[in-house]
């Protein structure tokens, strides 16, 4: 870095004397964090991409309740709530004095508007089913909201922690929300430089404790080498989901950085389109499951990740270890393919979104499938292409993706979901779970659901996505674990 010129040293000393030690050594109040995926837009109530929540949820938008780092439900725009004995009425007491970033006031009418908008027939909310139990929304006064349910819903409060249940105002909701979001959170939107970054600034009129950061930037870097260089050069202060795990040992050895390997809710799966040949045959799906060596796939992620045997997080209550249901057995896979009428295997496309776990895992899995005769052509997709072709239009055979929504096993009961899985018995199980409030009974039902998905080999269940956290050693307040897809910046601060 060279030496400081004498005249500059004197000037700096004079500044320190004039303004005192506090001014000379004021804590840094700007922060930059990397993200692999750029969101398609910035409205969490109008899109399925987890990248939206990672930028704006909790920071810009808020819901009635939220999850903390431990996965526990905490109050947010609702300061308290009560549930009737029959489980059919939820009464929320709202915080008063809350304003949206455009200066409009928050009250019960905004909650009613947000939920009715999400429930409407023309709703574009990606998780519209979360609101299905609600039959009426009452607003007896400005600070009270009453939800009336058609049946008890054991997941109701949990559902309201999703970004899809964020509260928006009628004055700002709509297409403009996608590019200039207006919420009630501790940060306000400043600008979005497409292809590069989103900039946030502190909301000095926030209803709660002010955040320490005056400005925060979320910078989009998908390339692992570029991510490493940005961290090493100090161009980024943090990367909460670092895309280059092969470089973590190097960063761990560097005292400038802290490396934290945590857990996520990301069930990483080799998804199969159960509605098209040959994946509509359970024998083929079971063959695919036997053809994959999970540990080798995890080793391809540089040894990070926890094997799973169904769509459930190992850290969640009710988890059942089903990893031994389909042990790696190429001979068994070939026998099942022959039984299904594919003695020479078949050809299919393996469509891969951008994340490293998908691209790295895809190469390994394609090689394993080739050993049993399945010729999987790798088709790299950008995230917007994946959402359109795979998630929306179901124009695929196989894909690799991590489902990062918390406790989301219920997606397998959805009509027209991209897996094309249709099992009335599973749907009945989810319906029973939805109306069950006893925790012990819910845990039993979750176990039954995991076993059913494993037996049906709906997808090949690979591993729980780890959280690769890397940040400046002087930064505190970032999450090690990620129970839902969010970069919570509300407690981030510099130690000097």
Protein backbone atom coordinates (compact mmCIF):
# COMPACT_ATOMS: atom_id res chain seq x y z
CA UNK A 1 0.00 0.00 0.00
CA UNK A 2 3.04 2.32 0.24
CA UNK A 3 3.66 4.99 2.88
CA UNK A 4 1.60 7.96 4.03
CA UNK A 5 3.07 11.33 3.06
CA UNK A 6 4.10 13.52 6.04
CA UNK A 7 1.72 16.29 5.05
CA UNK A 8 -1.17 13.81 4.78
CA UNK A 9 -0.32 12.30 8.16
CA UNK A 10 -0.39 15.76 9.72
CA UNK A 11 -3.74 16.51 8.11
CA UNK A 12 -5.19 13.26 9.38
CA UNK A 13 -3.87 13.95 12.87
CA UNK A 14 -5.39 17.41 12.78
CA UNK A 15 -8.73 15.94 11.80
CA UNK A 16 -8.56 13.49 14.68
CA UNK A 17 -7.77 16.27 17.14
CA UNK A 18 -10.47 18.52 15.78
CA UNK A 19 -13.23 15.96 15.82
CA UNK A 20 -12.08 13.58 18.54
CA UNK A 21 -11.49 9.82 18.62
CA UNK A 22 -15.12 8.92 17.90
CA UNK A 23 -15.04 10.73 14.56
CA UNK A 24 -11.58 9.46 13.64
CA UNK A 25 -12.52 5.84 14.30
CA UNK A 26 -16.24 5.84 13.49
CA UNK A 27 -17.54 2.39 12.69
CA UNK A 28 -18.13 1.68 9.02
CA UNK A 29 -21.81 1.93 8.10
CA UNK A 30 -21.86 0.61 4.53
CA UNK A 31 -21.98 -3.06 3.58
CA UNK A 32 -21.88 -5.16 0.43
CA UNK A 33 -22.97 -8.79 0.16
CA UNK A 34 -22.82 -11.17 -2.78
CA UNK A 35 -25.64 -13.28 -4.18
CA UNK A 36 -25.40 -15.92 -6.88
CA UNK A 37 -28.73 -15.30 -8.59
CA UNK A 38 -30.23 -12.02 -9.70
CA UNK A 39 -34.01 -11.99 -9.09
CA UNK A 40 -36.39 -11.66 -12.05
CA UNK A 41 -38.09 -8.81 -10.17
CA UNK A 42 -38.39 -7.49 -6.62
CA UNK A 43 -41.97 -8.31 -5.57
CA UNK A 44 -41.97 -11.33 -3.21
CA UNK A 45 -45.75 -11.64 -3.53
CA UNK A 46 -45.60 -12.20 -7.30
CA UNK A 47 -42.88 -14.73 -8.05
CA UNK A 48 -41.49 -18.15 -7.14
CA UNK A 49 -37.78 -17.30 -7.33
CA UNK A 50 -36.01 -17.54 -3.97
CA UNK A 51 -33.66 -14.81 -5.20
CA UNK A 52 -36.45 -12.24 -4.68
CA UNK A 53 -36.75 -12.98 -0.96
CA UNK A 54 -32.96 -13.05 -0.62
CA UNK A 55 -32.82 -9.39 -1.60
CA UNK A 56 -35.96 -7.73 -0.25
CA UNK A 57 -37.74 -9.87 2.36
CA UNK A 58 -37.23 -8.76 5.97
CA UNK A 59 -35.01 -5.96 4.67
CA UNK A 60 -37.58 -4.05 2.57
CA UNK A 61 -40.83 -6.03 2.99
CA UNK A 62 -42.28 -7.43 6.20
CA UNK A 63 -45.05 -9.83 7.11
CA UNK A 64 -47.23 -10.15 10.18
CA UNK A 65 -44.76 -12.67 11.61
CA UNK A 66 -41.30 -13.94 10.71
CA UNK A 67 -38.83 -16.72 11.42
CA UNK A 68 -35.64 -16.12 13.36
CA UNK A 69 -32.34 -17.88 12.63
CA UNK A 70 -33.43 -20.82 14.76
CA UNK A 71 -36.59 -21.28 12.71
CA UNK A 72 -38.90 -20.00 15.47
CA UNK A 73 -41.88 -17.76 14.76
CA UNK A 74 -41.48 -14.19 16.01
CA UNK A 75 -43.79 -11.15 15.87
CA UNK A 76 -43.19 -8.54 13.19
CA UNK A 77 -45.97 -6.25 11.94
CA UNK A 78 -48.26 -8.12 14.31
CA UNK A 79 -47.10 -7.54 17.88
CA UNK A 80 -49.26 -10.37 19.23
CA UNK A 81 -51.96 -12.86 18.24
CA UNK A 82 -54.49 -15.28 19.70
CA UNK A 83 -55.97 -18.47 18.27
CA UNK A 84 -59.46 -19.63 19.17
CA UNK A 85 -59.92 -22.98 20.89
CA UNK A 86 -61.42 -24.52 17.75
CA UNK A 87 -58.48 -23.28 15.65
CA UNK A 88 -60.75 -21.40 13.25
CA UNK A 89 -60.10 -17.80 14.27
CA UNK A 90 -56.74 -15.99 14.34
CA UNK A 91 -56.77 -12.50 15.82
CA UNK A 92 -53.73 -10.29 15.24
CA UNK A 93 -52.95 -7.08 17.09
CA UNK A 94 -50.94 -4.84 14.77
CA UNK A 95 -48.17 -2.43 15.60
CA UNK A 96 -49.20 1.20 15.49
CA UNK A 97 -47.30 4.09 13.99
CA UNK A 98 -45.91 1.99 11.12
CA UNK A 99 -45.48 3.67 7.74
CA UNK A 100 -44.64 2.39 4.29
CA UNK A 101 -41.59 3.84 2.61
CA UNK A 102 -43.74 6.19 0.53
CA UNK A 103 -45.15 7.75 3.71
CA UNK A 104 -48.55 6.05 3.66
CA UNK A 105 -49.74 4.53 6.94
CA UNK A 106 -49.91 0.81 7.63
CA UNK A 107 -53.07 -0.58 9.22
CA UNK A 108 -55.45 -3.53 9.09
CA UNK A 109 -56.80 -2.47 5.69
CA UNK A 110 -53.37 -3.15 4.18
CA UNK A 111 -53.34 -6.68 5.60
CA UNK A 112 -56.80 -7.34 4.23
CA UNK A 113 -55.78 -5.95 0.83
CA UNK A 114 -52.57 -8.01 0.72
CA UNK A 115 -54.20 -11.31 1.60
CA UNK A 116 -57.25 -10.82 -0.63
CA UNK A 117 -54.92 -9.88 -3.48
CA UNK A 118 -52.96 -13.11 -2.89
CA UNK A 119 -56.17 -15.18 -2.76
CA UNK A 120 -57.87 -13.61 -5.80
CA UNK A 121 -58.71 -15.78 -8.83
CA UNK A 122 -56.28 -13.77 -10.96
CA UNK A 123 -53.55 -13.82 -8.30
CA UNK A 124 -49.96 -14.26 -9.47
CA UNK A 125 -48.79 -15.22 -5.97
CA UNK A 126 -46.55 -18.27 -6.34
CA UNK A 127 -47.74 -19.70 -3.00
CA UNK A 128 -51.43 -18.95 -3.35
CA UNK A 129 -52.28 -22.21 -1.61
CA UNK A 130 -50.86 -20.84 1.66
CA UNK A 131 -53.99 -18.72 1.97
CA UNK A 132 -56.49 -21.44 0.98
CA UNK A 133 -57.83 -22.05 4.52
CA UNK A 134 -58.88 -18.37 4.89
CA UNK A 135 -62.58 -17.79 4.27
CA UNK A 136 -62.90 -14.25 5.60
CA UNK A 137 -60.70 -11.35 6.72
CA UNK A 138 -62.24 -8.97 9.22
CA UNK A 139 -60.87 -5.58 10.32
CA UNK A 140 -62.84 -4.47 13.40
CA UNK A 141 -60.44 -1.54 13.81
CA UNK A 142 -57.23 -0.16 12.31
CA UNK A 143 -54.96 -2.23 14.57
CA UNK A 144 -56.84 -5.56 14.53
CA UNK A 145 -57.07 -8.24 11.85
CA UNK A 146 -59.18 -11.38 12.25
CA UNK A 147 -58.66 -14.36 9.94
CA UNK A 148 -61.56 -16.82 9.72
CA UNK A 149 -60.61 -20.30 8.54
CA UNK A 150 -62.71 -23.02 6.94
CA UNK A 151 -60.88 -25.67 8.97
CA UNK A 152 -58.03 -25.80 11.49
CA UNK A 153 -54.68 -25.22 9.78
CA UNK A 154 -51.70 -26.35 11.81
CA UNK A 155 -49.29 -24.50 9.49
CA UNK A 156 -51.19 -21.20 9.34
CA UNK A 157 -48.75 -19.09 11.37
CA UNK A 158 -45.80 -20.74 9.70
CA UNK A 159 -47.30 -19.99 6.28
CA UNK A 160 -47.48 -16.31 7.16
CA UNK A 161 -43.69 -16.19 7.67
CA UNK A 162 -43.11 -16.66 3.92
CA UNK A 163 -42.19 -13.73 1.71
CA UNK A 164 -45.30 -14.51 -0.31
CA UNK A 165 -47.31 -13.25 2.71
CA UNK A 166 -45.49 -9.90 2.87
CA UNK A 167 -47.75 -6.90 3.42
CA UNK A 168 -48.05 -4.41 0.57
CA UNK A 169 -50.13 -1.25 0.26
CA UNK A 170 -52.80 -0.65 -2.39
CA UNK A 171 -51.11 2.66 -3.18
CA UNK A 172 -47.92 0.96 -4.37
CA UNK A 173 -48.86 -2.65 -5.23
CA UNK A 174 -48.75 -3.72 -8.85
CA UNK A 175 -46.23 -3.78 -11.66
CA UNK A 176 -44.25 -0.88 -10.19
CA UNK A 177 -43.55 -2.99 -7.11
CA UNK A 178 -41.41 -5.28 -9.25
CA UNK A 179 -38.83 -2.60 -10.00
CA UNK A 180 -39.35 -0.02 -7.22
CA UNK A 181 -40.51 -1.98 -4.16
CA UNK A 182 -42.23 -0.16 -1.30
CA UNK A 183 -42.44 -1.94 2.05
CA UNK A 184 -42.38 -1.20 5.76
CA UNK A 185 -38.94 -2.65 6.49
CA UNK A 186 -35.77 -1.20 8.03
CA UNK A 187 -34.26 -0.61 4.58
CA UNK A 188 -35.64 1.36 1.64
CA UNK A 189 -35.02 0.57 -1.99
CA UNK A 190 -32.57 2.95 -3.68
CA UNK A 191 -31.83 1.52 -7.12
CA UNK A 192 -31.48 -1.65 -9.16
CA UNK A 193 -28.65 -1.73 -11.68
CA UNK A 194 -29.78 -4.67 -13.79
CA UNK A 195 -27.16 -7.34 -14.21
CA UNK A 196 -25.08 -5.97 -11.35
CA UNK A 197 -26.60 -4.96 -8.01
CA UNK A 198 -29.49 -3.72 -5.87
CA UNK A 199 -28.81 -0.84 -3.49
CA UNK A 200 -30.70 -0.27 -0.23
CA UNK A 201 -30.56 2.63 2.23
CA UNK A 202 -31.52 2.81 5.89
CA UNK A 203 -35.12 3.70 6.66
CA UNK A 204 -34.70 6.39 9.31
CA UNK A 205 -38.46 6.42 9.90
CA UNK A 206 -38.58 2.70 10.69
CA UNK A 207 -41.06 1.70 13.40
CA UNK A 208 -38.53 -0.55 15.19
CA UNK A 209 -34.86 -0.37 16.08
CA UNK A 210 -32.84 1.38 13.42
CA UNK A 211 -30.30 -0.78 11.63
CA UNK A 212 -26.60 0.01 11.99
CA UNK A 213 -26.00 0.10 8.24
CA UNK A 214 -26.63 3.34 6.41
CA UNK A 215 -26.32 1.66 3.02
CA UNK A 216 -26.35 -1.98 1.88
CA UNK A 217 -25.61 -3.38 -1.56
CA UNK A 218 -26.53 -6.84 -2.83
CA UNK A 219 -24.22 -7.63 -5.75
CA UNK A 220 -24.95 -10.49 -8.15
CA UNK A 221 -21.98 -12.73 -8.96
CA UNK A 222 -22.74 -16.18 -10.32
CA UNK A 223 -19.20 -17.09 -11.39
CA UNK A 224 -17.31 -18.84 -8.55
CA UNK A 225 -13.92 -17.46 -9.61
CA UNK A 226 -15.28 -13.92 -9.73
CA UNK A 227 -16.90 -14.39 -6.31
CA UNK A 228 -13.60 -15.48 -4.80
CA UNK A 229 -11.75 -12.56 -6.34
CA UNK A 230 -14.37 -10.09 -5.09
CA UNK A 231 -14.01 -11.40 -1.53
CA UNK A 232 -10.19 -11.47 -1.61
CA UNK A 233 -9.98 -7.96 -3.07
CA UNK A 234 -12.40 -6.53 -0.52
CA UNK A 235 -14.91 -5.57 -3.22
CA UNK A 236 -17.46 -7.57 -1.21
CA UNK A 237 -17.78 -7.64 2.57
CA UNK A 238 -19.66 -10.93 2.63
CA UNK A 239 -21.14 -13.77 0.62
CA UNK A 240 -23.82 -15.63 2.56
CA UNK A 241 -24.11 -18.43 0.00
CA UNK A 242 -20.58 -18.54 -1.38
CA UNK A 243 -20.54 -20.33 -4.77
CA UNK A 244 -16.94 -21.59 -4.59
CA UNK A 245 -16.77 -24.15 -1.75
CA UNK A 246 -13.51 -25.48 -3.18
CA UNK A 247 -11.89 -22.25 -1.97
CA UNK A 248 -13.24 -22.34 1.59
CA UNK A 249 -10.05 -23.89 3.06
CA UNK A 250 -8.06 -21.01 1.58
CA UNK A 251 -10.41 -18.47 3.14
CA UNK A 252 -10.50 -20.30 6.47
CA UNK A 253 -6.73 -19.93 6.68
CA UNK A 254 -6.91 -16.18 6.03
CA UNK A 255 -7.44 -14.17 9.27
CA UNK A 256 -9.21 -11.45 7.32
CA UNK A 257 -12.25 -13.67 6.90
CA UNK A 258 -14.72 -15.74 8.85
CA UNK A 259 -16.04 -18.92 7.26
CA UNK A 260 -19.24 -20.39 8.70
CA UNK A 261 -20.78 -23.63 7.37
CA UNK A 262 -24.41 -23.75 8.38
CA UNK A 263 -27.65 -25.46 7.46
CA UNK A 264 -30.47 -24.48 5.12
CA UNK A 265 -33.95 -25.74 4.30
CA UNK A 266 -32.72 -26.57 0.80
CA UNK A 267 -33.73 -30.07 -0.20
CA UNK A 268 -31.58 -30.66 -3.29
CA UNK A 269 -33.23 -33.13 -5.64
CA UNK A 270 -32.91 -34.71 -9.04
CA UNK A 271 -36.47 -33.94 -10.06
CA UNK A 272 -38.23 -36.18 -12.56
CA UNK A 273 -41.30 -35.30 -14.58
CA UNK A 274 -43.69 -37.98 -13.32
CA UNK A 275 -46.19 -37.09 -16.04
CA UNK A 276 -44.12 -38.06 -19.09
CA UNK A 277 -42.47 -41.24 -20.36
CA UNK A 278 -40.39 -42.92 -19.12
CA UNK A 279 -40.63 -41.22 -15.70
CA UNK A 280 -44.32 -42.02 -15.33
CA UNK A 281 -43.14 -45.59 -14.56
CA UNK A 282 -42.19 -46.05 -10.90
CA UNK A 283 -39.66 -48.71 -11.89
CA UNK A 284 -37.76 -46.15 -13.96
CA UNK A 285 -37.79 -43.62 -11.13
CA UNK A 286 -36.56 -46.26 -8.71
CA UNK A 287 -33.85 -47.23 -11.17
CA UNK A 288 -32.68 -43.62 -11.32
CA UNK A 289 -32.58 -43.50 -7.51
CA UNK A 290 -30.46 -46.68 -7.34
CA UNK A 291 -28.12 -45.35 -10.05
CA UNK A 292 -27.00 -42.37 -7.96
CA UNK A 293 -24.25 -42.44 -5.34
CA UNK A 294 -25.32 -39.60 -3.04
CA UNK A 295 -21.98 -39.44 -1.26
CA UNK A 296 -20.17 -39.02 -4.57
CA UNK A 297 -22.51 -36.14 -5.44
CA UNK A 298 -21.80 -34.57 -2.04
CA UNK A 299 -18.07 -35.09 -2.56
CA UNK A 300 -18.55 -33.21 -5.81
CA UNK A 301 -19.74 -30.31 -3.64
CA UNK A 302 -16.34 -30.58 -1.90
CA UNK A 303 -17.72 -32.74 0.88
CA UNK A 304 -20.38 -30.34 2.14
CA UNK A 305 -24.01 -31.43 2.43
CA UNK A 306 -26.13 -33.92 4.37
CA UNK A 307 -27.68 -36.91 2.51
CA UNK A 308 -31.48 -37.06 2.42
CA UNK A 309 -33.87 -39.83 1.41
CA UNK A 310 -37.05 -37.78 1.09
CA UNK A 311 -38.16 -34.17 0.83
CA UNK A 312 -37.46 -33.10 4.41
CA UNK A 313 -34.70 -31.28 6.23
CA UNK A 314 -32.59 -33.36 8.67
CA UNK A 315 -32.74 -30.42 11.09
CA UNK A 316 -36.55 -30.26 11.15
CA UNK A 317 -38.74 -31.91 13.81
CA UNK A 318 -40.20 -35.12 12.42
CA UNK A 319 -37.32 -35.97 10.09
CA UNK A 320 -37.03 -39.66 9.19
CA UNK A 321 -33.73 -41.00 7.84
CA UNK A 322 -34.65 -42.80 4.62
CA UNK A 323 -31.25 -42.63 2.94
CA UNK A 324 -30.99 -46.42 2.93
CA UNK A 325 -34.20 -46.88 0.87
CA UNK A 326 -32.31 -46.63 -2.43
CA UNK A 327 -28.68 -47.60 -1.85
CA UNK A 328 -26.28 -47.06 -4.73
CA UNK A 329 -26.74 -50.23 -6.80
CA UNK A 330 -26.16 -49.95 -10.57
CA UNK A 331 -27.02 -53.63 -11.08
CA UNK A 332 -30.40 -53.13 -9.41
CA UNK A 333 -30.94 -50.01 -11.53
CA UNK A 334 -30.27 -51.95 -14.76
CA UNK A 335 -32.61 -54.75 -13.67
CA UNK A 336 -35.42 -52.27 -12.98
CA UNK A 337 -34.90 -50.58 -16.35
CA UNK A 338 -35.07 -53.96 -18.09
CA UNK A 339 -38.25 -54.80 -16.19
CA UNK A 340 -39.74 -51.48 -17.29
CA UNK A 341 -38.94 -52.21 -20.94
CA UNK A 342 -35.71 -50.23 -21.28
CA UNK A 343 -32.96 -52.90 -21.34
CA UNK A 344 -30.68 -50.54 -23.26
CA UNK A 345 -31.65 -47.48 -21.27
CA UNK A 346 -33.05 -44.33 -22.87
CA UNK A 347 -32.21 -40.74 -23.74
CA UNK A 348 -33.42 -37.71 -21.82
CA UNK A 349 -32.49 -34.10 -21.14
CA UNK A 350 -31.01 -32.99 -17.82
CA UNK A 351 -31.88 -29.30 -17.55
CA UNK A 352 -29.62 -27.42 -15.15
CA UNK A 353 -30.17 -23.96 -13.64
CA UNK A 354 -27.12 -21.77 -12.85
CA UNK A 355 -26.23 -22.62 -9.21
CA UNK A 356 -22.99 -24.50 -8.72
CA UNK A 357 -24.67 -27.40 -6.91
CA UNK A 358 -26.76 -28.02 -10.04
CA UNK A 359 -24.00 -27.60 -12.61
CA UNK A 360 -21.40 -29.59 -10.64
CA UNK A 361 -23.91 -32.19 -9.50
CA UNK A 362 -25.31 -32.51 -13.01
CA UNK A 363 -21.97 -33.57 -14.49
CA UNK A 364 -21.52 -36.23 -11.81
CA UNK A 365 -25.08 -37.54 -12.05
CA UNK A 366 -25.03 -37.66 -15.86
CA UNK A 367 -21.93 -39.88 -15.65
CA UNK A 368 -23.62 -42.18 -13.11
CA UNK A 369 -26.77 -42.46 -15.23
CA UNK A 370 -24.66 -43.31 -18.29
CA UNK A 371 -23.29 -46.34 -16.41
CA UNK A 372 -26.78 -47.87 -16.34
CA UNK A 373 -27.66 -46.88 -19.91
CA UNK A 374 -29.47 -43.59 -19.31
CA UNK A 375 -28.01 -40.99 -21.67
CA UNK A 376 -28.75 -37.64 -20.03
CA UNK A 377 -27.95 -34.68 -22.27
CA UNK A 378 -26.99 -31.71 -20.12
CA UNK A 379 -28.87 -28.53 -21.04
CA UNK A 380 -27.64 -25.44 -19.12
CA UNK A 381 -30.37 -22.86 -18.50
CA UNK A 382 -30.39 -19.36 -17.12
CA UNK A 383 -32.67 -18.92 -14.13
CA UNK A 384 -35.46 -17.19 -16.08
CA UNK A 385 -35.38 -19.98 -18.67
CA UNK A 386 -35.59 -22.62 -15.95
CA UNK A 387 -38.58 -20.93 -14.34
CA UNK A 388 -40.36 -20.74 -17.69
CA UNK A 389 -39.51 -24.09 -19.24
CA UNK A 390 -39.28 -26.35 -16.20
CA UNK A 391 -41.25 -24.81 -13.34
CA UNK A 392 -44.05 -23.18 -15.33
CA UNK A 393 -44.46 -25.26 -18.48
CA UNK A 394 -43.09 -28.61 -17.23
CA UNK A 395 -41.19 -29.06 -20.50
CA UNK A 396 -38.46 -31.27 -19.11
CA UNK A 397 -37.45 -34.82 -18.23
CA UNK A 398 -35.03 -34.28 -15.35
CA UNK A 399 -33.58 -31.28 -13.54
CA UNK A 400 -31.56 -30.54 -10.41
CA UNK A 401 -32.78 -27.86 -8.02
CA UNK A 402 -32.77 -27.04 -4.33
CA UNK A 403 -36.14 -26.24 -2.74
CA UNK A 404 -35.27 -23.71 -0.05
CA UNK A 405 -38.75 -22.94 1.30
CA UNK A 406 -39.17 -24.14 4.88
CA UNK A 407 -41.25 -27.25 5.64
CA UNK A 408 -42.50 -27.43 2.06
CA UNK A 409 -43.32 -31.13 1.71
CA UNK A 410 -46.90 -30.08 0.90
CA UNK A 411 -45.85 -29.02 -2.62
CA UNK A 412 -46.21 -32.68 -3.64
CA UNK A 413 -49.97 -32.41 -3.13
CA UNK A 414 -50.39 -29.44 -5.45
CA UNK A 415 -52.32 -29.81 -8.67
CA UNK A 416 -50.31 -29.08 -11.79
CA UNK A 417 -47.01 -28.73 -9.91
CA UNK A 418 -43.90 -29.26 -12.03
CA UNK A 419 -43.19 -32.78 -10.66
CA UNK A 420 -46.56 -33.93 -12.10
CA UNK A 421 -46.89 -36.24 -9.07
CA UNK A 422 -50.46 -37.40 -8.54
CA UNK A 423 -51.25 -39.57 -5.54
CA UNK A 424 -54.67 -39.21 -3.84
CA UNK A 425 -53.36 -41.00 -0.75
CA UNK A 426 -50.61 -38.40 -0.35
CA UNK A 427 -53.13 -35.60 -0.87
CA UNK A 428 -55.33 -37.07 1.87
CA UNK A 429 -52.32 -37.25 4.16
CA UNK A 430 -51.52 -33.57 3.55
CA UNK A 431 -55.16 -32.64 4.10
CA UNK A 432 -55.10 -34.41 7.46
CA UNK A 433 -51.83 -32.70 8.36
CA UNK A 434 -53.33 -29.33 7.49
CA UNK A 435 -56.09 -29.77 10.06
CA UNK A 436 -53.93 -31.32 12.79
CA UNK A 437 -52.66 -29.03 15.52
CA UNK A 438 -51.29 -31.63 17.97
CA UNK A 439 -47.50 -31.55 17.53
CA UNK A 440 -46.90 -35.26 18.21
CA UNK A 441 -49.54 -36.24 15.67
CA UNK A 442 -48.10 -33.79 13.14
CA UNK A 443 -44.65 -35.34 13.52
CA UNK A 444 -46.13 -38.80 12.88
CA UNK A 445 -47.90 -37.56 9.77
CA UNK A 446 -44.74 -35.89 8.51
CA UNK A 447 -42.98 -39.24 8.86
CA UNK A 448 -45.73 -41.00 6.91
CA UNK A 449 -45.46 -38.38 4.17
CA UNK A 450 -41.70 -38.77 3.87
CA UNK A 451 -42.01 -42.55 3.59
CA UNK A 452 -44.69 -42.26 0.90
CA UNK A 453 -42.58 -39.95 -1.27
CA UNK A 454 -39.59 -42.26 -0.87
CA UNK A 455 -41.59 -45.37 -1.76
CA UNK A 456 -43.00 -43.65 -4.85
CA UNK A 457 -39.49 -42.44 -5.81
CA UNK A 458 -41.11 -39.21 -6.93
CA UNK A 459 -37.67 -37.66 -7.27
CA UNK A 460 -34.15 -38.78 -6.50
CA UNK A 461 -33.46 -37.08 -3.17
CA UNK A 462 -29.82 -36.03 -2.95
CA UNK A 463 -28.73 -33.82 -0.06
CA UNK A 464 -29.61 -30.88 2.14
CA UNK A 465 -27.91 -27.81 0.74
CA UNK A 466 -25.32 -26.37 3.13
CA UNK A 467 -24.96 -22.67 3.79
CA UNK A 468 -21.47 -21.49 2.83
CA UNK A 469 -20.99 -18.22 4.67
CA UNK A 470 -17.91 -16.07 4.14
CA UNK A 471 -17.51 -12.56 5.47
CA UNK A 472 -15.06 -9.98 6.71
CA UNK A 473 -13.87 -10.94 10.19
CA UNK A 474 -14.90 -7.51 11.46
CA UNK A 475 -18.54 -8.06 10.49
CA UNK A 476 -21.09 -9.40 12.95
CA UNK A 477 -24.80 -10.11 12.77
CA UNK A 478 -25.00 -12.37 9.71
CA UNK A 479 -26.76 -15.71 9.98
CA UNK A 480 -24.75 -18.95 9.99
CA UNK A 481 -27.88 -21.05 9.37
CA UNK A 482 -30.64 -20.17 6.93
CA UNK A 483 -34.05 -21.58 7.88
CA UNK A 484 -35.61 -19.69 4.98
CA UNK A 485 -34.31 -17.85 1.93
CA UNK A 486 -33.38 -14.43 3.21
CA UNK A 487 -30.28 -12.30 3.70
CA UNK A 488 -31.32 -10.67 6.97
CA UNK A 489 -29.24 -7.49 7.28
CA UNK A 490 -31.10 -6.04 10.24
CA UNK A 491 -28.43 -6.93 12.83
CA UNK A 492 -25.35 -6.59 10.64
CA UNK A 493 -22.69 -4.22 11.96
CA UNK A 494 -18.96 -3.61 11.94
CA UNK A 495 -16.97 -4.17 15.12
CA UNK A 496 -14.58 -1.30 14.32
